[in-house]
Amino acid sequence: MIDRSAVGTGPEPVTVTVERGRLQFFGRVLGATGGVFVDPGAARAAGHPDLPVPPTFLFGLDIESAPDLLSAIGVDLSHVLHVEQGFTYHRTVHAGDRLTFAPVITDVYSRQGGALEFVVRETSVTDAAGEPVAELHQVIAVRRPVPDKESA
């Protein structure tokens, strides 16, 4: 069982710089071969100071900012299922922006008699001036292994 005392905890905030090359790679992986998400000239022509960040890109940076958050509370990562994610944006993020990610576990609960446990993670994202950029929401399910009948 995941210790419920994990609620309200999280690692130290992590600050990262949004890299243009990673944005271009991400855009190409998503099938964008031109336009504002991969071409700095097109981005500037559209009124952006640099490449804008696609909506789900912050999710990857969030996971990178606290890769051991689940392990730290005793979750076996081989039993993790991604259930839900959501984003609330306050402004567009661009290549070159310095962002601080501050993830916190906001809930831990179980279903199906404890066979499934859920971890809810909320991350505040702020810019270099400390102004809010986004709030990220994620729910992870943890499957408990079913004991083998022969070993039970």
N, C-alpha and C. Protein backbone atom coordinates (compact mmCIF):
# COMPACT_ATOMS: atom_id res chain seq x y z
N MET A 1 0.83 -1.19 0.00
CA MET A 1 0.00 0.00 0.00
C MET A 1 0.88 1.26 0.00
N ILE A 2 0.44 2.25 -0.72
CA ILE A 2 1.16 3.52 -0.75
C ILE A 2 0.82 4.28 0.53
N ASP A 3 1.84 4.74 1.19
CA ASP A 3 1.67 5.47 2.44
C ASP A 3 0.95 6.80 2.18
N ARG A 4 -0.18 6.99 2.81
CA ARG A 4 -0.98 8.19 2.62
C ARG A 4 -0.28 9.45 3.13
N SER A 5 0.76 9.28 3.93
CA SER A 5 1.50 10.45 4.41
C SER A 5 2.26 11.14 3.27
N ALA A 6 2.29 10.52 2.10
CA ALA A 6 2.93 11.13 0.94
C ALA A 6 2.16 12.36 0.44
N VAL A 7 0.87 12.43 0.79
CA VAL A 7 0.05 13.58 0.36
C VAL A 7 0.65 14.87 0.94
N GLY A 8 0.84 15.84 0.07
CA GLY A 8 1.42 17.11 0.48
C GLY A 8 2.92 17.18 0.32
N THR A 9 3.52 16.07 -0.13
CA THR A 9 4.97 16.05 -0.29
C THR A 9 5.35 16.16 -1.76
N GLY A 10 6.59 16.51 -1.98
CA GLY A 10 7.14 16.59 -3.33
C GLY A 10 8.61 16.95 -3.24
N PRO A 11 9.32 16.76 -4.32
CA PRO A 11 10.74 17.10 -4.32
C PRO A 11 10.95 18.62 -4.37
N GLU A 12 12.18 19.02 -4.22
CA GLU A 12 12.52 20.44 -4.37
C GLU A 12 12.17 20.87 -5.80
N PRO A 13 11.69 22.09 -5.98
CA PRO A 13 11.42 22.58 -7.33
C PRO A 13 12.67 22.53 -8.21
N VAL A 14 12.45 22.31 -9.50
CA VAL A 14 13.54 22.21 -10.47
C VAL A 14 13.32 23.26 -11.55
N THR A 15 14.38 23.98 -11.91
CA THR A 15 14.30 24.99 -12.96
C THR A 15 15.00 24.47 -14.22
N VAL A 16 14.33 24.62 -15.35
CA VAL A 16 14.86 24.18 -16.63
C VAL A 16 14.67 25.30 -17.66
N THR A 17 15.49 25.27 -18.70
CA THR A 17 15.33 26.17 -19.82
C THR A 17 14.72 25.39 -20.98
N VAL A 18 13.67 25.93 -21.58
CA VAL A 18 13.02 25.29 -22.71
C VAL A 18 13.96 25.42 -23.91
N GLU A 19 14.40 24.29 -24.43
CA GLU A 19 15.37 24.28 -25.52
C GLU A 19 14.69 24.22 -26.88
N ARG A 20 15.13 25.09 -27.79
CA ARG A 20 14.54 25.16 -29.13
C ARG A 20 14.67 23.83 -29.87
N GLY A 21 15.84 23.20 -29.81
CA GLY A 21 16.04 21.93 -30.51
C GLY A 21 15.09 20.83 -30.04
N ARG A 22 14.84 20.79 -28.75
CA ARG A 22 13.89 19.79 -28.22
C ARG A 22 12.47 20.09 -28.70
N LEU A 23 12.12 21.37 -28.77
CA LEU A 23 10.80 21.74 -29.28
C LEU A 23 10.65 21.32 -30.75
N GLN A 24 11.69 21.57 -31.54
CA GLN A 24 11.63 21.19 -32.96
C GLN A 24 11.51 19.67 -33.10
N PHE A 25 12.28 18.93 -32.31
CA PHE A 25 12.19 17.48 -32.35
C PHE A 25 10.79 17.02 -31.97
N PHE A 26 10.26 17.57 -30.90
CA PHE A 26 8.92 17.23 -30.42
C PHE A 26 7.88 17.51 -31.52
N GLY A 27 8.00 18.67 -32.15
CA GLY A 27 7.08 19.03 -33.23
C GLY A 27 7.15 18.05 -34.38
N ARG A 28 8.38 17.65 -34.77
CA ARG A 28 8.53 16.70 -35.86
C ARG A 28 7.95 15.33 -35.49
N VAL A 29 8.15 14.91 -34.23
CA VAL A 29 7.59 13.63 -33.77
C VAL A 29 6.07 13.66 -33.88
N LEU A 30 5.48 14.82 -33.62
CA LEU A 30 4.03 14.95 -33.71
C LEU A 30 3.53 15.15 -35.14
N GLY A 31 4.47 15.24 -36.09
CA GLY A 31 4.10 15.37 -37.49
C GLY A 31 4.10 16.79 -38.02
N ALA A 32 4.53 17.74 -37.21
CA ALA A 32 4.60 19.13 -37.68
C ALA A 32 5.92 19.31 -38.41
N THR A 33 5.86 19.44 -39.73
CA THR A 33 7.09 19.58 -40.51
C THR A 33 7.39 21.02 -40.87
N GLY A 34 6.50 21.91 -40.55
CA GLY A 34 6.69 23.33 -40.80
C GLY A 34 5.80 24.10 -39.86
N GLY A 35 5.89 25.40 -39.94
CA GLY A 35 5.02 26.22 -39.11
C GLY A 35 5.64 26.64 -37.80
N VAL A 36 4.83 27.26 -36.97
CA VAL A 36 5.31 27.94 -35.77
C VAL A 36 5.97 27.03 -34.74
N PHE A 37 5.65 25.73 -34.73
CA PHE A 37 6.22 24.85 -33.71
C PHE A 37 7.61 24.31 -34.06
N VAL A 38 8.04 24.47 -35.31
CA VAL A 38 9.36 23.97 -35.69
C VAL A 38 10.23 25.00 -36.41
N ASP A 39 9.64 26.06 -36.91
CA ASP A 39 10.37 27.06 -37.69
C ASP A 39 10.38 28.40 -36.95
N PRO A 40 11.55 28.82 -36.41
CA PRO A 40 11.62 30.08 -35.68
C PRO A 40 11.15 31.28 -36.50
N GLY A 41 11.44 31.29 -37.81
CA GLY A 41 10.99 32.39 -38.67
C GLY A 41 9.47 32.45 -38.75
N ALA A 42 8.85 31.30 -38.90
CA ALA A 42 7.38 31.24 -38.94
C ALA A 42 6.80 31.65 -37.59
N ALA A 43 7.46 31.27 -36.51
CA ALA A 43 6.98 31.64 -35.18
C ALA A 43 7.02 33.16 -35.01
N ARG A 44 8.16 33.78 -35.41
CA ARG A 44 8.27 35.24 -35.29
C ARG A 44 7.26 35.95 -36.19
N ALA A 45 7.06 35.42 -37.40
CA ALA A 45 6.09 36.02 -38.32
C ALA A 45 4.67 35.95 -37.75
N ALA A 46 4.42 34.96 -36.89
CA ALA A 46 3.10 34.81 -36.27
C ALA A 46 3.00 35.61 -34.96
N GLY A 47 4.06 36.36 -34.62
CA GLY A 47 4.00 37.22 -33.44
C GLY A 47 4.61 36.63 -32.17
N HIS A 48 5.27 35.48 -32.29
CA HIS A 48 5.93 34.87 -31.14
C HIS A 48 7.40 35.30 -31.09
N PRO A 49 7.99 35.42 -29.90
CA PRO A 49 9.40 35.77 -29.82
C PRO A 49 10.32 34.61 -30.21
N ASP A 50 9.81 33.39 -30.15
CA ASP A 50 10.54 32.18 -30.52
C ASP A 50 9.50 31.08 -30.67
N LEU A 51 9.95 29.84 -30.81
CA LEU A 51 9.00 28.73 -30.97
C LEU A 51 8.09 28.64 -29.75
N PRO A 52 6.77 28.57 -29.97
CA PRO A 52 5.86 28.35 -28.83
C PRO A 52 5.90 26.88 -28.41
N VAL A 53 5.59 26.64 -27.16
CA VAL A 53 5.57 25.29 -26.62
C VAL A 53 4.21 24.66 -26.90
N PRO A 54 4.19 23.50 -27.56
CA PRO A 54 2.91 22.80 -27.76
C PRO A 54 2.32 22.39 -26.40
N PRO A 55 1.01 22.24 -26.30
CA PRO A 55 0.36 21.99 -25.01
C PRO A 55 0.94 20.84 -24.18
N THR A 56 1.23 19.70 -24.76
CA THR A 56 1.66 18.57 -23.95
C THR A 56 3.16 18.54 -23.67
N PHE A 57 3.92 19.46 -24.23
CA PHE A 57 5.37 19.46 -24.03
C PHE A 57 5.74 19.63 -22.55
N LEU A 58 5.00 20.46 -21.83
CA LEU A 58 5.30 20.68 -20.42
C LEU A 58 5.17 19.40 -19.60
N PHE A 59 4.30 18.49 -20.04
CA PHE A 59 4.13 17.22 -19.34
C PHE A 59 5.47 16.46 -19.30
N GLY A 60 6.17 16.41 -20.42
CA GLY A 60 7.47 15.73 -20.46
C GLY A 60 8.49 16.40 -19.56
N LEU A 61 8.52 17.74 -19.56
CA LEU A 61 9.45 18.45 -18.68
C LEU A 61 9.11 18.21 -17.21
N ASP A 62 7.82 18.10 -16.92
CA ASP A 62 7.39 17.84 -15.54
C ASP A 62 7.89 16.47 -15.07
N ILE A 63 7.72 15.47 -15.89
CA ILE A 63 8.17 14.11 -15.53
C ILE A 63 9.68 14.10 -15.36
N GLU A 64 10.40 14.80 -16.22
CA GLU A 64 11.86 14.87 -16.11
C GLU A 64 12.29 15.60 -14.85
N SER A 65 11.49 16.56 -14.40
CA SER A 65 11.90 17.38 -13.25
C SER A 65 11.85 16.59 -11.94
N ALA A 66 11.07 15.54 -11.88
CA ALA A 66 10.96 14.73 -10.65
C ALA A 66 10.84 13.26 -11.03
N PRO A 67 11.89 12.70 -11.66
CA PRO A 67 11.77 11.32 -12.16
C PRO A 67 11.60 10.27 -11.06
N ASP A 68 12.03 10.56 -9.86
CA ASP A 68 11.97 9.57 -8.79
C ASP A 68 10.83 9.81 -7.81
N LEU A 69 9.91 10.69 -8.14
CA LEU A 69 8.82 11.03 -7.21
C LEU A 69 8.02 9.79 -6.82
N LEU A 70 7.64 8.97 -7.78
CA LEU A 70 6.86 7.77 -7.46
C LEU A 70 7.70 6.73 -6.72
N SER A 71 8.92 6.52 -7.17
CA SER A 71 9.79 5.56 -6.49
C SER A 71 10.02 5.96 -5.04
N ALA A 72 10.13 7.26 -4.80
CA ALA A 72 10.39 7.75 -3.44
C ALA A 72 9.26 7.42 -2.47
N ILE A 73 8.06 7.19 -2.98
CA ILE A 73 6.95 6.83 -2.09
C ILE A 73 6.62 5.34 -2.17
N GLY A 74 7.54 4.56 -2.74
CA GLY A 74 7.40 3.11 -2.72
C GLY A 74 6.64 2.50 -3.88
N VAL A 75 6.48 3.24 -4.97
CA VAL A 75 5.75 2.72 -6.12
C VAL A 75 6.71 1.94 -7.02
N ASP A 76 6.32 0.71 -7.36
CA ASP A 76 7.07 -0.11 -8.32
C ASP A 76 6.66 0.36 -9.71
N LEU A 77 7.58 0.98 -10.42
CA LEU A 77 7.25 1.60 -11.71
C LEU A 77 6.81 0.61 -12.76
N SER A 78 7.10 -0.67 -12.58
CA SER A 78 6.64 -1.67 -13.55
C SER A 78 5.13 -1.92 -13.43
N HIS A 79 4.49 -1.36 -12.41
CA HIS A 79 3.06 -1.55 -12.22
C HIS A 79 2.27 -0.25 -12.42
N VAL A 80 2.89 0.75 -13.03
CA VAL A 80 2.27 2.07 -13.19
C VAL A 80 1.51 2.16 -14.51
N LEU A 81 0.31 2.74 -14.43
CA LEU A 81 -0.50 3.04 -15.60
C LEU A 81 -0.84 4.53 -15.58
N HIS A 82 -0.66 5.19 -16.72
CA HIS A 82 -1.03 6.60 -16.82
C HIS A 82 -2.54 6.66 -17.02
N VAL A 83 -3.23 7.40 -16.15
CA VAL A 83 -4.69 7.46 -16.20
C VAL A 83 -5.19 8.77 -16.79
N GLU A 84 -4.62 9.88 -16.35
CA GLU A 84 -5.20 11.18 -16.70
C GLU A 84 -4.15 12.27 -16.62
N GLN A 85 -4.29 13.25 -17.48
CA GLN A 85 -3.48 14.46 -17.36
C GLN A 85 -4.31 15.64 -17.81
N GLY A 86 -4.01 16.79 -17.24
CA GLY A 86 -4.71 18.00 -17.62
C GLY A 86 -3.80 19.20 -17.41
N PHE A 87 -4.13 20.28 -18.10
CA PHE A 87 -3.29 21.46 -18.07
C PHE A 87 -4.17 22.71 -17.95
N THR A 88 -3.72 23.65 -17.15
CA THR A 88 -4.31 24.98 -17.13
C THR A 88 -3.17 25.94 -17.45
N TYR A 89 -3.29 26.66 -18.55
CA TYR A 89 -2.24 27.58 -18.98
C TYR A 89 -2.62 29.02 -18.67
N HIS A 90 -1.62 29.80 -18.24
CA HIS A 90 -1.83 31.22 -17.98
C HIS A 90 -1.22 32.09 -19.07
N ARG A 91 -0.25 31.53 -19.78
CA ARG A 91 0.33 32.23 -20.91
C ARG A 91 1.09 31.24 -21.78
N THR A 92 1.41 31.65 -22.99
CA THR A 92 2.19 30.80 -23.88
C THR A 92 3.64 30.78 -23.44
N VAL A 93 4.23 29.61 -23.46
CA VAL A 93 5.65 29.43 -23.14
C VAL A 93 6.40 29.33 -24.46
N HIS A 94 7.63 29.84 -24.47
CA HIS A 94 8.44 29.84 -25.70
C HIS A 94 9.82 29.27 -25.45
N ALA A 95 10.48 28.87 -26.53
CA ALA A 95 11.87 28.43 -26.45
C ALA A 95 12.68 29.52 -25.77
N GLY A 96 13.57 29.11 -24.88
CA GLY A 96 14.41 30.06 -24.15
C GLY A 96 13.86 30.45 -22.79
N ASP A 97 12.57 30.22 -22.55
CA ASP A 97 12.00 30.54 -21.24
C ASP A 97 12.59 29.63 -20.17
N ARG A 98 12.84 30.20 -18.99
CA ARG A 98 13.28 29.41 -17.83
C ARG A 98 12.05 29.17 -16.96
N LEU A 99 11.78 27.89 -16.72
CA LEU A 99 10.59 27.50 -15.99
C LEU A 99 10.97 26.71 -14.74
N THR A 100 10.22 26.94 -13.67
CA THR A 100 10.42 26.17 -12.45
C THR A 100 9.21 25.28 -12.24
N PHE A 101 9.47 23.98 -12.05
CA PHE A 101 8.44 22.97 -11.84
C PHE A 101 8.45 22.58 -10.36
N ALA A 102 7.29 22.66 -9.72
CA ALA A 102 7.15 22.32 -8.31
C ALA A 102 6.03 21.29 -8.14
N PRO A 103 6.35 19.99 -8.30
CA PRO A 103 5.33 18.95 -8.18
C PRO A 103 5.02 18.61 -6.72
N VAL A 104 3.75 18.29 -6.48
CA VAL A 104 3.29 17.89 -5.14
C VAL A 104 2.27 16.77 -5.30
N ILE A 105 2.35 15.76 -4.46
CA ILE A 105 1.33 14.72 -4.43
C ILE A 105 0.16 15.28 -3.64
N THR A 106 -1.01 15.33 -4.28
CA THR A 106 -2.17 15.93 -3.63
C THR A 106 -3.20 14.91 -3.15
N ASP A 107 -3.08 13.66 -3.60
CA ASP A 107 -4.01 12.64 -3.12
C ASP A 107 -3.44 11.26 -3.40
N VAL A 108 -3.79 10.31 -2.54
CA VAL A 108 -3.49 8.89 -2.72
C VAL A 108 -4.75 8.16 -2.28
N TYR A 109 -5.30 7.31 -3.15
CA TYR A 109 -6.50 6.57 -2.78
C TYR A 109 -6.49 5.22 -3.50
N SER A 110 -7.36 4.33 -3.06
CA SER A 110 -7.40 3.00 -3.67
C SER A 110 -8.82 2.64 -4.10
N ARG A 111 -8.90 1.66 -4.99
CA ARG A 111 -10.16 1.12 -5.50
C ARG A 111 -9.99 -0.40 -5.61
N GLN A 112 -11.08 -1.06 -5.82
CA GLN A 112 -11.09 -2.51 -6.01
C GLN A 112 -10.38 -3.24 -4.87
N GLY A 113 -10.72 -2.85 -3.65
CA GLY A 113 -10.16 -3.52 -2.48
C GLY A 113 -8.65 -3.39 -2.37
N GLY A 114 -8.10 -2.32 -2.90
CA GLY A 114 -6.66 -2.09 -2.83
C GLY A 114 -5.88 -2.65 -4.01
N ALA A 115 -6.58 -3.31 -4.95
CA ALA A 115 -5.90 -3.85 -6.13
C ALA A 115 -5.37 -2.74 -7.02
N LEU A 116 -6.02 -1.59 -6.97
CA LEU A 116 -5.57 -0.41 -7.71
C LEU A 116 -5.42 0.75 -6.74
N GLU A 117 -4.26 1.37 -6.78
CA GLU A 117 -4.04 2.57 -6.00
C GLU A 117 -3.78 3.71 -6.98
N PHE A 118 -4.16 4.90 -6.57
CA PHE A 118 -4.02 6.06 -7.44
C PHE A 118 -3.21 7.14 -6.73
N VAL A 119 -2.33 7.77 -7.50
CA VAL A 119 -1.53 8.88 -7.00
C VAL A 119 -1.88 10.10 -7.86
N VAL A 120 -2.28 11.18 -7.21
CA VAL A 120 -2.61 12.42 -7.91
C VAL A 120 -1.46 13.39 -7.68
N ARG A 121 -0.96 13.94 -8.77
CA ARG A 121 0.18 14.85 -8.72
C ARG A 121 -0.22 16.16 -9.37
N GLU A 122 0.05 17.26 -8.69
CA GLU A 122 -0.20 18.60 -9.24
C GLU A 122 1.15 19.31 -9.30
N THR A 123 1.40 19.99 -10.39
CA THR A 123 2.66 20.71 -10.54
C THR A 123 2.39 22.15 -10.90
N SER A 124 2.94 23.06 -10.13
CA SER A 124 2.89 24.48 -10.45
C SER A 124 4.11 24.81 -11.31
N VAL A 125 3.89 25.52 -12.40
CA VAL A 125 4.98 25.93 -13.28
C VAL A 125 5.02 27.45 -13.29
N THR A 126 6.18 28.00 -12.95
CA THR A 126 6.35 29.45 -12.92
C THR A 126 7.50 29.85 -13.83
N ASP A 127 7.52 31.12 -14.24
CA ASP A 127 8.60 31.62 -15.09
C ASP A 127 9.73 32.19 -14.23
N ALA A 128 10.72 32.76 -14.87
CA ALA A 128 11.90 33.28 -14.16
C ALA A 128 11.55 34.39 -13.18
N ALA A 129 10.44 35.08 -13.40
CA ALA A 129 10.01 36.14 -12.50
C ALA A 129 9.11 35.61 -11.37
N GLY A 130 8.86 34.30 -11.38
CA GLY A 130 8.00 33.70 -10.37
C GLY A 130 6.52 33.78 -10.69
N GLU A 131 6.21 34.25 -11.90
CA GLU A 131 4.80 34.37 -12.31
C GLU A 131 4.27 33.01 -12.78
N PRO A 132 3.01 32.71 -12.48
CA PRO A 132 2.44 31.43 -12.91
C PRO A 132 2.37 31.31 -14.43
N VAL A 133 2.77 30.15 -14.92
CA VAL A 133 2.71 29.85 -16.34
C VAL A 133 1.64 28.78 -16.59
N ALA A 134 1.63 27.76 -15.72
CA ALA A 134 0.67 26.66 -15.91
C ALA A 134 0.55 25.86 -14.62
N GLU A 135 -0.56 25.12 -14.54
CA GLU A 135 -0.72 24.09 -13.53
C GLU A 135 -0.95 22.79 -14.28
N LEU A 136 -0.23 21.76 -13.87
CA LEU A 136 -0.34 20.46 -14.52
C LEU A 136 -0.95 19.48 -13.54
N HIS A 137 -1.81 18.62 -14.05
CA HIS A 137 -2.52 17.64 -13.22
C HIS A 137 -2.27 16.26 -13.82
N GLN A 138 -1.97 15.29 -12.97
CA GLN A 138 -1.71 13.93 -13.45
C GLN A 138 -2.24 12.93 -12.44
N VAL A 139 -2.86 11.87 -12.95
CA VAL A 139 -3.29 10.76 -12.11
C VAL A 139 -2.61 9.50 -12.64
N ILE A 140 -1.97 8.79 -11.72
CA ILE A 140 -1.27 7.54 -12.04
C ILE A 140 -1.95 6.42 -11.26
N ALA A 141 -2.21 5.29 -11.91
CA ALA A 141 -2.73 4.11 -11.23
C ALA A 141 -1.57 3.13 -11.01
N VAL A 142 -1.61 2.48 -9.88
CA VAL A 142 -0.60 1.47 -9.56
C VAL A 142 -1.33 0.16 -9.36
N ARG A 143 -1.06 -0.81 -10.24
CA ARG A 143 -1.67 -2.14 -10.13
C ARG A 143 -0.91 -2.95 -9.09
N ARG A 144 -1.60 -3.54 -8.18
CA ARG A 144 -0.99 -4.45 -7.22
C ARG A 144 -0.92 -5.82 -7.87
N PRO A 145 0.24 -6.47 -7.81
CA PRO A 145 0.35 -7.81 -8.41
C PRO A 145 -0.62 -8.79 -7.74
N VAL A 146 -1.22 -9.64 -8.56
CA VAL A 146 -2.10 -10.68 -8.06
C VAL A 146 -1.23 -11.86 -7.65
N PRO A 147 -1.35 -12.33 -6.40
CA PRO A 147 -0.52 -13.46 -5.99
C PRO A 147 -0.81 -14.70 -6.84
N ASP A 148 0.24 -15.41 -7.16
CA ASP A 148 0.13 -16.66 -7.91
C ASP A 148 -0.58 -17.68 -7.03
N LYS A 149 -1.61 -18.34 -7.54
CA LYS A 149 -2.39 -19.30 -6.74
C LYS A 149 -1.51 -20.42 -6.16
N GLU A 150 -0.48 -20.81 -6.91
CA GLU A 150 0.38 -21.89 -6.43
C GLU A 150 1.28 -21.44 -5.30
N SER A 151 1.65 -20.15 -5.27
CA SER A 151 2.52 -19.68 -4.22
C SER A 151 1.75 -19.14 -3.02
N ALA A 152 0.42 -19.02 -3.17
CA ALA A 152 -0.40 -18.47 -2.08
C ALA A 152 -0.71 -19.51 -1.02
